[in-house]
Protein backbone atom coordinates (compact mmCIF):
# COMPACT_ATOMS: atom_id res chain seq x y z
CA MET A 1 158.83 -34.78 68.19
CA LEU A 2 160.89 -35.41 71.38
CA ARG A 3 159.54 -35.75 75.10
CA PHE A 4 161.49 -36.31 78.10
CA GLU A 5 160.77 -37.48 81.09
CA ARG A 6 160.30 -35.99 84.57
CA THR A 7 163.41 -37.49 85.71
CA GLY A 8 165.24 -36.09 82.48
CA ARG A 9 165.93 -38.88 80.62
CA SER A 10 164.43 -39.18 76.72
CA GLU A 11 161.56 -40.94 76.59
CA LEU A 12 160.00 -41.06 73.26
CA ALA A 13 160.46 -39.74 69.73
CA ALA A 14 158.73 -39.60 66.47
CA ASN A 15 159.02 -38.74 62.89
CA VAL A 16 156.60 -38.71 60.07
CA LEU A 17 156.65 -37.54 56.45
CA PHE A 18 153.95 -36.49 54.13
CA SER A 19 154.52 -35.10 50.57
CA ARG A 20 152.77 -35.94 47.28
CA GLU A 21 154.91 -39.17 46.90
CA HIS A 22 153.90 -40.31 50.81
CA PRO A 23 150.53 -39.16 51.22
CA GLN A 24 149.70 -41.51 53.46
CA GLY A 25 152.90 -40.68 55.55
CA VAL A 26 156.30 -42.35 55.74
CA ILE A 27 158.24 -43.19 59.21
CA ALA A 28 161.23 -41.98 59.24
CA ARG A 29 162.73 -44.87 61.52
CA PHE A 30 166.44 -44.16 63.61
CA GLY A 31 169.43 -46.31 63.49
CA PRO A 32 170.96 -48.01 66.52
CA ALA A 33 173.78 -45.97 66.24
CA GLY A 34 173.45 -43.05 68.80
CA GLY A 35 171.07 -44.61 71.70
CA GLY A 36 168.43 -44.88 68.84
CA PHE A 37 168.34 -40.73 68.15
CA GLY A 38 170.59 -41.11 65.68
CA PRO A 39 170.02 -39.59 61.89
CA VAL A 40 167.12 -41.19 59.80
CA ALA A 41 168.05 -44.24 58.58
CA ASN A 42 165.95 -45.40 56.16
CA LEU A 43 164.92 -42.51 53.51
CA ARG A 44 166.77 -40.28 51.53
CA PHE A 45 166.80 -36.31 51.69
CA ASP A 46 166.78 -34.37 48.81
CA ALA A 47 167.08 -30.78 48.72
CA ASP A 48 165.19 -27.94 47.66
CA LEU A 49 165.88 -26.01 44.96
CA ARG A 50 164.57 -22.91 42.57
CA ASN A 51 164.91 -22.62 38.80
CA ALA A 52 167.22 -20.34 36.44
CA THR A 53 164.81 -16.99 37.50
CA GLY A 54 164.99 -17.72 41.32
CA THR A 55 161.87 -18.92 41.42
CA SER A 56 160.87 -21.67 44.03
CA VAL A 57 159.49 -24.43 41.53
CA ALA A 58 159.19 -27.52 43.21
CA TRP A 59 156.05 -26.72 45.02
CA GLN A 60 153.95 -24.77 42.44
CA PRO A 61 150.59 -26.09 41.33
CA GLY A 62 151.23 -28.94 38.78
CA ALA A 63 154.92 -29.10 39.36
CA ASP A 64 155.87 -32.26 37.44
CA TRP A 65 158.78 -33.92 39.85
CA SER A 66 159.68 -36.44 37.23
CA ARG A 67 161.32 -33.78 35.83
CA ILE A 68 162.88 -31.93 38.47
CA HIS A 69 166.52 -33.23 38.88
CA PHE A 70 166.38 -32.91 42.67
CA PRO A 71 170.27 -32.14 44.13
CA PRO A 72 170.59 -34.71 46.93
CA LEU A 73 171.43 -33.30 50.56
CA TYR A 74 171.56 -36.20 52.85
CA THR A 75 171.79 -40.16 52.20
CA PRO A 76 172.02 -42.51 55.45
CA PRO A 77 175.13 -44.81 55.07
CA GLY A 78 174.41 -48.22 53.62
CA LEU A 79 170.81 -47.03 52.32
CA PRO A 80 169.44 -49.50 49.74
CA PRO A 81 169.18 -47.90 45.98
CA ASP A 82 165.37 -48.27 45.74
CA ALA A 83 164.58 -46.43 49.85
CA PRO A 84 162.09 -43.96 49.74
CA ARG A 85 163.34 -40.20 49.30
CA PHE A 86 161.70 -37.22 50.89
CA VAL A 87 161.93 -34.19 49.21
CA ALA A 88 162.74 -31.39 52.36
CA PRO A 89 161.24 -27.94 51.49
CA TYR A 90 162.92 -24.96 52.66
CA PRO A 91 162.75 -24.05 56.70
CA ALA A 92 162.11 -19.99 55.88
CA SER A 93 162.62 -17.76 58.02
CA LEU A 94 163.45 -21.12 60.89
CA LEU A 95 167.27 -20.90 59.19
CA LYS A 96 167.12 -17.94 61.58
CA LEU A 97 167.29 -20.50 64.73
CA MET A 98 170.62 -22.06 63.15
CA VAL A 99 171.94 -18.30 62.78
CA ALA A 100 171.53 -18.02 66.40
CA VAL A 101 173.14 -21.04 67.38
CA GLY A 102 176.08 -19.80 65.63
CA LEU A 103 176.21 -16.38 67.68
CA GLY A 104 175.80 -18.60 70.76
CA LEU A 105 179.05 -20.62 69.59
CA ALA A 106 180.55 -17.37 68.91
CA VAL A 107 180.15 -16.06 71.99
CA ASP A 108 181.21 -19.03 73.72
CA ALA A 109 184.10 -19.18 71.34
CA GLY A 110 185.33 -15.13 72.74
CA ARG A 111 184.28 -14.00 68.80
CA LEU A 112 181.43 -12.07 69.71
CA ALA A 113 180.01 -10.54 73.00
CA TRP A 114 176.43 -10.68 74.07
CA PRO A 115 176.36 -6.98 74.23
CA GLU A 116 176.79 -6.69 70.62
CA VAL A 117 174.79 -9.65 69.60
CA MET A 118 171.85 -9.11 71.70
CA PRO A 119 169.85 -5.92 70.28
CA HIS A 120 169.91 -8.11 66.75
CA LEU A 121 169.19 -11.29 68.10
CA GLY A 122 165.73 -10.35 70.37
CA PRO A 123 163.81 -9.16 67.10
CA MET A 124 165.62 -11.55 64.54
CA ILE A 125 163.62 -14.30 66.71
CA SER A 126 160.54 -12.66 68.29
CA VAL A 127 159.43 -10.85 65.34
CA SER A 128 161.34 -12.66 62.84
CA ASP A 129 162.93 -9.51 61.72
CA ASN A 130 164.70 -9.81 58.36
CA ASP A 131 167.01 -6.34 59.01
CA ALA A 132 167.71 -7.72 62.74
CA THR A 133 168.89 -11.39 60.43
CA ASP A 134 171.34 -9.53 57.71
CA ARG A 135 172.97 -7.78 61.19
CA CYS A 136 173.20 -11.26 62.92
CA VAL A 137 174.30 -13.05 59.41
CA ALA A 138 176.97 -10.37 59.01
CA LEU A 139 177.71 -10.51 62.84
CA LEU A 140 178.79 -14.78 62.22
CA HIS A 141 180.55 -13.67 59.04
CA ARG A 142 182.97 -11.18 61.10
CA ALA A 143 183.49 -13.41 63.75
CA GLY A 144 184.35 -16.04 60.91
CA MET A 145 182.02 -18.43 62.41
CA VAL A 146 179.75 -19.38 59.24
CA ASP A 147 181.69 -22.56 58.31
CA ALA A 148 182.52 -23.26 62.20
CA LEU A 149 178.48 -23.21 62.18
CA ASN A 150 178.07 -25.36 59.67
CA ARG A 151 181.13 -27.99 60.65
CA THR A 152 179.97 -27.93 63.98
CA LEU A 153 176.08 -28.94 63.00
CA GLN A 154 176.93 -31.81 60.53
CA GLN A 155 180.33 -33.19 61.85
CA HIS A 156 180.60 -32.32 65.36
CA TRP A 157 176.43 -32.94 66.23
CA GLY A 158 175.74 -35.08 63.57
CA LEU A 159 172.88 -33.17 61.77
CA PRO A 160 173.47 -33.54 58.54
CA THR A 161 170.97 -31.92 57.03
CA LEU A 162 171.52 -29.24 58.82
CA GLN A 163 173.20 -26.24 56.47
CA LEU A 164 173.52 -22.35 56.04
CA ASN A 165 174.95 -22.37 53.02
CA ARG A 166 176.68 -19.31 50.87
CA THR A 167 175.27 -16.45 52.64
CA THR A 168 177.32 -13.21 52.42
CA PRO A 169 179.86 -10.81 54.34
CA GLN A 170 177.16 -8.23 54.44
CA GLY A 171 174.33 -10.59 55.66
CA GLY A 172 173.11 -11.81 52.89
CA TRP A 173 170.80 -15.24 53.31
CA ARG A 174 167.78 -14.55 50.79
CA ASN A 175 167.50 -16.13 47.04
CA GLY A 176 168.55 -12.68 45.52
CA ASP A 177 171.70 -12.78 47.58
CA GLY A 178 172.89 -16.27 46.10
CA SER A 179 171.75 -17.78 49.44
CA GLY A 180 168.28 -18.66 50.56
CA VAL A 181 166.46 -21.48 48.56
CA GLY A 182 168.52 -24.36 47.04
CA GLN A 183 171.02 -23.48 49.51
CA ILE A 184 170.11 -23.73 53.06
CA HIS A 185 168.83 -26.84 54.65
CA MET A 186 166.41 -28.08 57.76
CA THR A 187 164.78 -31.30 58.21
CA ALA A 188 162.37 -31.69 61.80
CA TRP A 189 164.20 -34.88 63.25
CA ASP A 190 167.90 -32.83 62.99
CA THR A 191 165.90 -29.85 64.33
CA VAL A 192 164.69 -31.11 66.70
CA ARG A 193 167.75 -32.99 68.18
CA LEU A 194 169.35 -29.27 67.43
CA LEU A 195 166.82 -28.01 70.32
CA TRP A 196 167.58 -31.15 72.41
CA LEU A 197 171.45 -29.62 72.39
CA ILE A 198 170.26 -26.04 73.39
CA ASP A 199 167.84 -27.17 75.97
CA PRO A 200 169.69 -26.85 79.26
CA GLN A 201 167.50 -29.47 81.07
CA ALA A 202 167.60 -32.12 78.32
CA PRO A 203 169.77 -35.21 78.75
CA PRO A 204 173.09 -35.70 77.73
CA ALA A 205 172.74 -36.63 74.13
CA PRO A 206 173.36 -40.20 73.30
CA TRP A 207 174.79 -39.76 69.52
CA LEU A 208 177.04 -37.36 70.62
CA ALA A 209 180.70 -38.54 70.67
CA ALA A 210 182.56 -37.83 73.73
CA GLY A 211 184.24 -34.50 73.54
CA ALA A 212 182.32 -32.85 71.11
CA PRO A 213 181.92 -29.25 71.40
CA ALA A 214 178.61 -27.99 73.01
CA LEU A 215 177.29 -25.00 74.08
CA SER A 216 177.67 -23.63 77.37
CA ALA A 217 174.84 -23.74 80.32
CA PRO A 218 174.57 -19.88 79.98
CA THR A 219 174.27 -19.73 76.13
CA LYS A 220 171.97 -22.07 76.17
CA ALA A 221 169.84 -20.01 79.03
CA ARG A 222 169.99 -17.09 76.77
CA LEU A 223 168.56 -18.77 73.90
CA LEU A 224 166.13 -20.66 74.73
CA ALA A 225 164.96 -16.87 76.78
CA VAL A 226 165.11 -15.63 73.55
CA LEU A 227 162.65 -18.10 72.27
CA ALA A 228 160.40 -17.44 74.95
CA THR A 229 159.70 -13.91 73.68
CA GLN A 230 158.07 -15.55 70.45
CA GLN A 231 155.07 -13.20 69.11
CA LEU A 232 154.39 -14.99 66.09
CA ASP A 233 152.16 -17.82 67.59
CA GLU A 234 150.42 -18.58 64.21
CA ILE A 235 151.36 -22.27 63.04
CA LEU A 236 152.05 -24.77 65.69
CA SER A 237 150.74 -22.48 68.06
CA SER A 238 147.68 -20.08 67.41
CA GLY A 239 147.62 -17.31 69.81
CA ALA A 240 148.46 -13.98 67.23
CA LEU A 241 145.16 -15.26 65.08
CA ARG A 242 142.76 -15.55 68.01
CA GLY A 243 139.70 -13.55 67.23
CA LEU A 244 139.72 -14.68 63.50
CA PRO A 245 137.09 -16.67 62.06
CA GLY A 246 137.36 -20.13 62.44
CA TRP A 247 139.97 -20.19 65.03
CA VAL A 248 141.83 -22.81 66.07
CA PRO A 249 143.88 -23.29 68.94
CA GLY A 250 147.36 -25.34 68.70
CA ILE A 251 149.86 -25.80 71.05
CA PRO A 252 150.08 -23.30 74.45
CA ASP A 253 151.61 -20.06 73.09
CA ALA A 254 155.25 -18.24 74.30
CA PRO A 255 156.46 -18.92 76.65
CA VAL A 256 155.22 -22.15 77.21
CA PHE A 257 156.47 -22.83 73.65
CA ALA A 258 159.64 -21.23 73.43
CA HIS A 259 159.95 -21.66 69.34
CA LYS A 260 160.69 -20.15 65.86
CA THR A 261 158.75 -19.78 62.97
CA GLY A 262 159.06 -19.88 59.23
CA THR A 263 156.40 -18.78 56.73
CA THR A 264 156.74 -17.25 52.88
CA GLU A 265 154.32 -17.89 50.23
CA ASN A 266 155.64 -21.46 49.55
CA TYR A 267 156.66 -22.83 53.15
CA ALA A 268 155.38 -22.77 56.86
CA SER A 269 157.70 -23.96 59.35
CA ASP A 270 157.80 -24.37 63.44
CA ALA A 271 159.90 -25.18 66.20
CA GLY A 272 160.50 -25.55 69.49
CA ILE A 273 160.37 -26.34 73.24
CA VAL A 274 157.38 -26.89 75.35
CA ALA A 275 158.16 -26.23 78.95
CA THR A 276 154.44 -26.41 81.22
CA PRO A 277 154.08 -25.61 84.68
CA GLY A 278 152.56 -28.82 85.27
CA GLY A 279 156.62 -30.78 84.13
CA LEU A 280 155.74 -31.89 80.72
CA ARG A 281 158.71 -30.84 78.81
CA TYR A 282 159.26 -32.01 74.47
CA ALA A 283 160.86 -30.25 71.35
CA VAL A 284 158.51 -30.55 68.17
CA ALA A 285 159.53 -29.06 64.68
CA VAL A 286 157.52 -29.17 61.48
CA LEU A 287 158.98 -28.13 57.85
CA SER A 288 156.26 -27.77 55.28
CA ASN A 289 155.14 -26.53 51.97
CA LEU A 290 151.71 -25.14 53.24
CA GLY A 291 152.73 -21.50 53.02
CA SER A 292 150.84 -18.58 53.20
CA ARG A 293 149.17 -19.98 49.99
CA TYR A 294 146.88 -22.36 52.03
CA ARG A 295 145.90 -20.00 54.28
CA PRO A 296 142.04 -19.41 54.49
CA ARG A 297 139.97 -16.96 52.45
CA PHE A 298 136.76 -15.65 54.91
CA VAL A 299 134.46 -13.78 53.94
CA GLY A 300 134.66 -10.97 51.87
CA ALA A 301 138.64 -10.70 52.16
CA ASP A 302 141.64 -12.38 52.62
CA ASP A 303 143.24 -11.90 55.61
CA GLU A 304 146.72 -11.54 55.99
CA ARG A 305 147.29 -12.68 59.76
CA ALA A 306 146.56 -15.94 59.03
CA ALA A 307 149.67 -17.73 58.57
CA THR A 308 148.87 -20.94 56.82
CA THR A 309 145.95 -23.30 56.80
CA TRP A 310 144.33 -24.05 59.90
CA LYS A 311 145.68 -27.68 59.76
CA LEU A 312 148.79 -26.82 61.64
CA PRO A 313 147.60 -25.38 64.19
CA ALA A 314 145.01 -28.36 64.85
CA LEU A 315 148.17 -30.57 64.22
CA GLY A 316 149.95 -28.68 66.64
CA ALA A 317 147.39 -29.13 69.78
CA ALA A 318 146.92 -33.03 68.59
CA VAL A 319 151.00 -33.60 69.49
CA HIS A 320 150.25 -31.47 72.46
CA ALA A 321 146.95 -33.84 73.68
CA LEU A 322 149.03 -36.68 73.04
CA MET A 323 151.99 -35.54 74.96
CA GLU A 324 149.38 -34.39 77.49
CA THR A 325 147.76 -38.07 78.03
CA LEU A 326 150.87 -40.63 77.38
CA PRO A 327 152.22 -42.50 80.20
């Protein structure tokens, strides 16, 4: 998470990681480079993966991580060999945030125009429509922007764990297309820093080199407006689930929380920018393996409207309360 002061100066940030290897949590620290807001410096990230049959195996019950070879994703320079590692879960449909940014870059470069983008960008974000995502990915390929997006994310913007790999010119991005799990990667801190670069009201990002490419102000505003149309308030926010037994409130819903979610059987993710009428403004992201396998089982039947455990909206509420009470 990352909070901005009302004056516009970045004020505080935190990144805490939990996994079966770190059940008590490990604090991800940021190096001094980039004004203290650069990449994680004290641990390495390994990539998620699937087996030869296309199954996401790392998060299945009984998975033996000592027998799984996780591919490297990002290792900070100079990290000692005995430093901790974190296996980054697949972002699920949160990946569509990267696709949206790629489309914005393509429009700014004059390779696409908003009238051909918006009919697909809107539903890809607001209801996570997969057919619309196919068309958005195909547009990126048609504009020759997929490699440019990856290069911008990792080299120009210093977000080394954000990767959109092995998508197809036909718009393929799923496991069955040779992409998906093991090819598309995101982590929470780099996602929050990507949101920083989308937010029109955020101060200049201190880790960027002079002359680094940037989204135009109109493109930032349009992307943020699309994120604010989110209808799937069901992870860090939970208004879409109001009325279910045991309902737990989370972060205020969209449009206060302009965000993108992602859920599958194995994964649940959410990331966005919170802007309250009182002037509080912060970015937050969670990526987890707490997919629909962990949703509550109600008396009599499973309700498929529940995306995941109530612990994630409870986390959202706790973060929001912390942001409101900190001086």
